[in-house]
């Protein structure tokens, strides 16, 4: 089944691309907050890092130990870390941690103040790595890369484009 979300994103200013495998987009669709009573969901993103982009090959699904509320998601390491370790070994180190994802009950999601704070914390934890930050909305994705020095916002290449957004 084809996902509703766009799989190829780019930032024209930085000549950097992000490609989501279809399986990742299906995970996003499975956990999107389809109605007003749905809880937030999220996980980590694993993939391959290249000089000019990222290919996201796996998104972990919410684990039973995660803290899920209507407008809040806290990913706890249990389950997610084990999946990352197994995937890393299975791919001989090719598939690595590239970022985080979570949902919002918004058609076109935008980061909250808490999201921006948490992404800043991630930047401090991984100072040498730009990390992918994805918010899954009911209709669209917010896709960004964050690091200590900058935050880059991406736009879909093969689909709906609703203009540059900054945060």
C-alpha atoms as a PDB file:
ATOM      1  CA  UNK A   1       0.000   0.000   0.000  1.00  0.00           C
ATOM      2  CA  UNK A   2       1.380   3.404  -1.038  1.00  0.00           C
ATOM      3  CA  UNK A   3       1.734   6.009   1.712  1.00  0.00           C
ATOM      4  CA  UNK A   4       0.057   9.408   1.538  1.00  0.00           C
ATOM      5  CA  UNK A   5       3.297  11.132   2.540  1.00  0.00           C
ATOM      6  CA  UNK A   6       5.966  12.463   0.174  1.00  0.00           C
ATOM      7  CA  UNK A   7       9.147  10.366   0.260  1.00  0.00           C
ATOM      8  CA  UNK A   8      11.767  12.735  -1.219  1.00  0.00           C
ATOM      9  CA  UNK A   9      12.717  16.047   0.418  1.00  0.00           C
ATOM     10  CA  UNK A  10      15.410  18.599  -0.304  1.00  0.00           C
ATOM     11  CA  UNK A  11      16.797  21.907   0.812  1.00  0.00           C
ATOM     12  CA  UNK A  12      17.816  23.976  -2.186  1.00  0.00           C
ATOM     13  CA  UNK A  13      20.093  26.271  -0.187  1.00  0.00           C
ATOM     14  CA  UNK A  14      22.229  23.409   1.082  1.00  0.00           C
ATOM     15  CA  UNK A  15      21.997  20.821  -1.762  1.00  0.00           C
ATOM     16  CA  UNK A  16      21.056  18.154   0.767  1.00  0.00           C
ATOM     17  CA  UNK A  17      18.362  15.498   0.300  1.00  0.00           C
ATOM     18  CA  UNK A  18      16.370  13.120   2.476  1.00  0.00           C
ATOM     19  CA  UNK A  19      14.753   9.976   1.089  1.00  0.00           C
ATOM     20  CA  UNK A  20      12.274   7.941   3.147  1.00  0.00           C
ATOM     21  CA  UNK A  21      11.822   4.272   2.239  1.00  0.00           C
ATOM     22  CA  UNK A  22       8.167   3.327   1.759  1.00  0.00           C
ATOM     23  CA  UNK A  23       8.210   1.136   4.912  1.00  0.00           C
ATOM     24  CA  UNK A  24       9.105   4.213   6.981  1.00  0.00           C
ATOM     25  CA  UNK A  25       6.246   6.230   5.495  1.00  0.00           C
ATOM     26  CA  UNK A  26       3.854   3.360   6.246  1.00  0.00           C
ATOM     27  CA  UNK A  27       4.941   3.425   9.915  1.00  0.00           C
ATOM     28  CA  UNK A  28       4.258   7.178   9.962  1.00  0.00           C
ATOM     29  CA  UNK A  29       0.800   6.598   8.474  1.00  0.00           C
ATOM     30  CA  UNK A  30       0.011   3.778  10.889  1.00  0.00           C
ATOM     31  CA  UNK A  31       0.702   5.975  13.925  1.00  0.00           C
ATOM     32  CA  UNK A  32      -0.564   9.358  12.664  1.00  0.00           C
ATOM     33  CA  UNK A  33      -3.133  10.914  14.974  1.00  0.00           C
ATOM     34  CA  UNK A  34      -6.152  10.318  12.782  1.00  0.00           C
ATOM     35  CA  UNK A  35      -8.714  11.608  15.273  1.00  0.00           C
ATOM     36  CA  UNK A  36      -8.897  13.968  18.230  1.00  0.00           C
ATOM     37  CA  UNK A  37      -8.560  11.150  20.787  1.00  0.00           C
ATOM     38  CA  UNK A  38      -5.392   9.607  19.310  1.00  0.00           C
ATOM     39  CA  UNK A  39      -2.255   9.689  21.439  1.00  0.00           C
ATOM     40  CA  UNK A  40       1.071  11.033  20.183  1.00  0.00           C
ATOM     41  CA  UNK A  41       3.488   8.391  18.949  1.00  0.00           C
ATOM     42  CA  UNK A  42       7.110   8.360  17.892  1.00  0.00           C
ATOM     43  CA  UNK A  43      10.438   6.629  17.725  1.00  0.00           C
ATOM     44  CA  UNK A  44      13.911   6.800  16.281  1.00  0.00           C
ATOM     45  CA  UNK A  45      14.996   6.891  12.658  1.00  0.00           C
ATOM     46  CA  UNK A  46      17.706   4.631  11.296  1.00  0.00           C
ATOM     47  CA  UNK A  47      19.338   4.905   7.924  1.00  0.00           C
ATOM     48  CA  UNK A  48      22.363   5.619   5.812  1.00  0.00           C
ATOM     49  CA  UNK A  49      24.239   8.900   5.985  1.00  0.00           C
ATOM     50  CA  UNK A  50      25.885  10.279   2.826  1.00  0.00           C
ATOM     51  CA  UNK A  51      27.769  13.486   2.115  1.00  0.00           C
ATOM     52  CA  UNK A  52      24.762  15.006   0.313  1.00  0.00           C
ATOM     53  CA  UNK A  53      21.897  13.329   2.122  1.00  0.00           C
ATOM     54  CA  UNK A  54      20.199  10.700   4.218  1.00  0.00           C
ATOM     55  CA  UNK A  55      18.265   7.600   3.258  1.00  0.00           C
ATOM     56  CA  UNK A  56      15.902   6.662   6.079  1.00  0.00           C
ATOM     57  CA  UNK A  57      15.411   2.895   6.045  1.00  0.00           C
ATOM     58  CA  UNK A  58      13.673   2.211   9.361  1.00  0.00           C
ATOM     59  CA  UNK A  59      11.471   3.988  11.905  1.00  0.00           C
ATOM     60  CA  UNK A  60      10.927   2.325  15.255  1.00  0.00           C
ATOM     61  CA  UNK A  61       7.350   2.169  16.463  1.00  0.00           C
ATOM     62  CA  UNK A  62       6.206   3.319  19.905  1.00  0.00           C
ATOM     63  CA  UNK A  63       7.224   0.875  22.617  1.00  0.00           C
ATOM     64  CA  UNK A  64       5.047  -0.147  25.600  1.00  0.00           C
ATOM     65  CA  UNK A  65       7.378   1.740  27.959  1.00  0.00           C
ATOM     66  CA  UNK A  66       7.109   5.063  26.074  1.00  0.00           C
ATOM     67  CA  UNK A  67       5.111   7.864  27.686  1.00  0.00           C
ATOM     68  CA  UNK A  68       2.228   8.682  25.307  1.00  0.00           C
ATOM     69  CA  UNK A  69      -0.366  11.391  25.915  1.00  0.00           C
ATOM     70  CA  UNK A  70      -2.712  13.395  23.708  1.00  0.00           C
ATOM     71  CA  UNK A  71      -0.223  16.242  23.189  1.00  0.00           C
ATOM     72  CA  UNK A  72       3.004  14.700  24.458  1.00  0.00           C
ATOM     73  CA  UNK A  73       5.359  11.880  23.587  1.00  0.00           C
ATOM     74  CA  UNK A  74       8.431  10.809  25.542  1.00  0.00           C
ATOM     75  CA  UNK A  75      10.541   8.163  23.904  1.00  0.00           C
ATOM     76  CA  UNK A  76      12.251   5.957  26.436  1.00  0.00           C
ATOM     77  CA  UNK A  77      15.301   3.939  25.351  1.00  0.00           C
ATOM     78  CA  UNK A  78      13.819   0.492  26.055  1.00  0.00           C
ATOM     79  CA  UNK A  79      13.051  -1.309  22.819  1.00  0.00           C
ATOM     80  CA  UNK A  80      14.240   1.464  20.505  1.00  0.00           C
ATOM     81  CA  UNK A  81      17.899   0.975  21.463  1.00  0.00           C
ATOM     82  CA  UNK A  82      17.646  -2.811  21.045  1.00  0.00           C
ATOM     83  CA  UNK A  83      16.174  -2.376  17.565  1.00  0.00           C
ATOM     84  CA  UNK A  84      18.978   0.056  16.669  1.00  0.00           C
ATOM     85  CA  UNK A  85      21.636  -2.379  17.933  1.00  0.00           C
ATOM     86  CA  UNK A  86      20.160  -5.346  16.033  1.00  0.00           C
ATOM     87  CA  UNK A  87      19.788  -3.313  12.825  1.00  0.00           C
ATOM     88  CA  UNK A  88      23.340  -1.992  13.093  1.00  0.00           C
ATOM     89  CA  UNK A  89      24.728  -5.539  13.419  1.00  0.00           C
ATOM     90  CA  UNK A  90      22.454  -6.948  10.708  1.00  0.00           C
ATOM     91  CA  UNK A  91      23.586  -4.291   8.209  1.00  0.00           C
ATOM     92  CA  UNK A  92      27.274  -4.519   9.209  1.00  0.00           C
ATOM     93  CA  UNK A  93      27.188  -0.949  10.510  1.00  0.00           C
ATOM     94  CA  UNK A  94      25.567   0.533   7.410  1.00  0.00           C
ATOM     95  CA  UNK A  95      22.275   1.478   9.131  1.00  0.00           C
ATOM     96  CA  UNK A  96      22.814   3.997  11.911  1.00  0.00           C
ATOM     97  CA  UNK A  97      20.857   6.406  14.100  1.00  0.00           C
ATOM     98  CA  UNK A  98      19.907   9.456  12.008  1.00  0.00           C
ATOM     99  CA  UNK A  99      17.181  11.117  14.096  1.00  0.00           C
ATOM    100  CA  UNK A 100      13.794  11.153  15.779  1.00  0.00           C
ATOM    101  CA  UNK A 101      10.137  11.260  14.759  1.00  0.00           C
ATOM    102  CA  UNK A 102       6.825  11.880  16.518  1.00  0.00           C
ATOM    103  CA  UNK A 103       3.253  12.822  15.656  1.00  0.00           C
ATOM    104  CA  UNK A 104       1.079  15.914  16.066  1.00  0.00           C
ATOM    105  CA  UNK A 105      -2.673  16.183  15.571  1.00  0.00           C
ATOM    106  CA  UNK A 106      -2.258  18.859  12.873  1.00  0.00           C
ATOM    107  CA  UNK A 107      -2.703  18.693   9.116  1.00  0.00           C
ATOM    108  CA  UNK A 108       0.601  20.497   8.504  1.00  0.00           C
ATOM    109  CA  UNK A 109       2.599  20.095  11.695  1.00  0.00           C
ATOM    110  CA  UNK A 110       4.889  22.760  13.100  1.00  0.00           C
ATOM    111  CA  UNK A 111       7.347  22.291  15.960  1.00  0.00           C
ATOM    112  CA  UNK A 112       6.223  23.284  19.435  1.00  0.00           C
ATOM    113  CA  UNK A 113       8.477  25.103  21.908  1.00  0.00           C
ATOM    114  CA  UNK A 114       9.048  21.742  23.612  1.00  0.00           C
ATOM    115  CA  UNK A 115      10.064  20.187  20.270  1.00  0.00           C
ATOM    116  CA  UNK A 116      12.601  22.966  19.665  1.00  0.00           C
ATOM    117  CA  UNK A 117      13.967  22.562  23.201  1.00  0.00           C
ATOM    118  CA  UNK A 118      14.282  18.776  22.833  1.00  0.00           C
ATOM    119  CA  UNK A 119      15.990  19.125  19.454  1.00  0.00           C
ATOM    120  CA  UNK A 120      18.469  21.508  21.063  1.00  0.00           C
ATOM    121  CA  UNK A 121      19.184  18.869  23.730  1.00  0.00           C
ATOM    122  CA  UNK A 122      19.752  16.279  20.965  1.00  0.00           C
ATOM    123  CA  UNK A 123      22.185  18.669  19.269  1.00  0.00           C
ATOM    124  CA  UNK A 124      24.177  18.909  22.484  1.00  0.00           C
ATOM    125  CA  UNK A 125      24.178  15.104  22.930  1.00  0.00           C
ATOM    126  CA  UNK A 126      25.362  14.569  19.329  1.00  0.00           C
ATOM    127  CA  UNK A 127      27.370  17.741  18.588  1.00  0.00           C
ATOM    128  CA  UNK A 128      29.109  16.457  15.450  1.00  0.00           C
ATOM    129  CA  UNK A 129      26.035  14.937  13.783  1.00  0.00           C
ATOM    130  CA  UNK A 130      23.201  16.723  12.041  1.00  0.00           C
ATOM    131  CA  UNK A 131      20.054  14.914  13.178  1.00  0.00           C
ATOM    132  CA  UNK A 132      16.829  14.438  11.297  1.00  0.00           C
ATOM    133  CA  UNK A 133      13.710  15.695  13.080  1.00  0.00           C
ATOM    134  CA  UNK A 134      10.343  14.630  11.691  1.00  0.00           C
ATOM    135  CA  UNK A 135       6.851  15.524  12.855  1.00  0.00           C
ATOM    136  CA  UNK A 136       4.091  13.427  11.321  1.00  0.00           C
ATOM    137  CA  UNK A 137       0.865  15.341  10.779  1.00  0.00           C
ATOM    138  CA  UNK A 138      -2.466  14.055   9.547  1.00  0.00           C
ATOM    139  CA  UNK A 139      -1.787  15.291   5.967  1.00  0.00           C
ATOM    140  CA  UNK A 140       1.878  16.292   5.756  1.00  0.00           C
ATOM    141  CA  UNK A 141       5.273  15.890   7.385  1.00  0.00           C
ATOM    142  CA  UNK A 142       7.527  18.503   8.922  1.00  0.00           C
ATOM    143  CA  UNK A 143      11.087  17.507   7.994  1.00  0.00           C
ATOM    144  CA  UNK A 144      14.132  19.246   9.390  1.00  0.00           C
ATOM    145  CA  UNK A 145      17.745  18.682  10.249  1.00  0.00           C
ATOM    146  CA  UNK A 146      19.101  20.180  13.417  1.00  0.00           C
ATOM    147  CA  UNK A 147      22.633  20.620  14.722  1.00  0.00           C
ATOM    148  CA  UNK A 148      24.387  22.875  17.219  1.00  0.00           C
ATOM    149  CA  UNK A 149      25.134  25.438  14.554  1.00  0.00           C
ATOM    150  CA  UNK A 150      21.922  25.536  12.501  1.00  0.00           C
ATOM    151  CA  UNK A 151      18.461  24.220  11.736  1.00  0.00           C
ATOM    152  CA  UNK A 152      17.543  23.412   8.127  1.00  0.00           C
ATOM    153  CA  UNK A 153      13.954  22.987   6.944  1.00  0.00           C
ATOM    154  CA  UNK A 154      13.192  20.683   4.000  1.00  0.00           C
ATOM    155  CA  UNK A 155      10.494  20.834   1.353  1.00  0.00           C
ATOM    156  CA  UNK A 156       8.863  17.930  -0.500  1.00  0.00           C
ATOM    157  CA  UNK A 157      10.146  17.371  -4.022  1.00  0.00           C
ATOM    158  CA  UNK A 158       7.527  15.031  -5.520  1.00  0.00           C
ATOM    159  CA  UNK A 159       4.284  16.417  -4.219  1.00  0.00           C
ATOM    160  CA  UNK A 160       2.506  19.142  -2.346  1.00  0.00           C
ATOM    161  CA  UNK A 161       4.726  22.110  -1.611  1.00  0.00           C
ATOM    162  CA  UNK A 162       3.376  24.723   0.720  1.00  0.00           C
ATOM    163  CA  UNK A 163       6.314  27.110   0.924  1.00  0.00           C
ATOM    164  CA  UNK A 164       9.505  27.550   2.931  1.00  0.00           C
ATOM    165  CA  UNK A 165       9.021  27.504   6.667  1.00  0.00           C
ATOM    166  CA  UNK A 166      11.480  28.453   9.331  1.00  0.00           C
ATOM    167  CA  UNK A 167      11.491  27.728  13.025  1.00  0.00           C
END
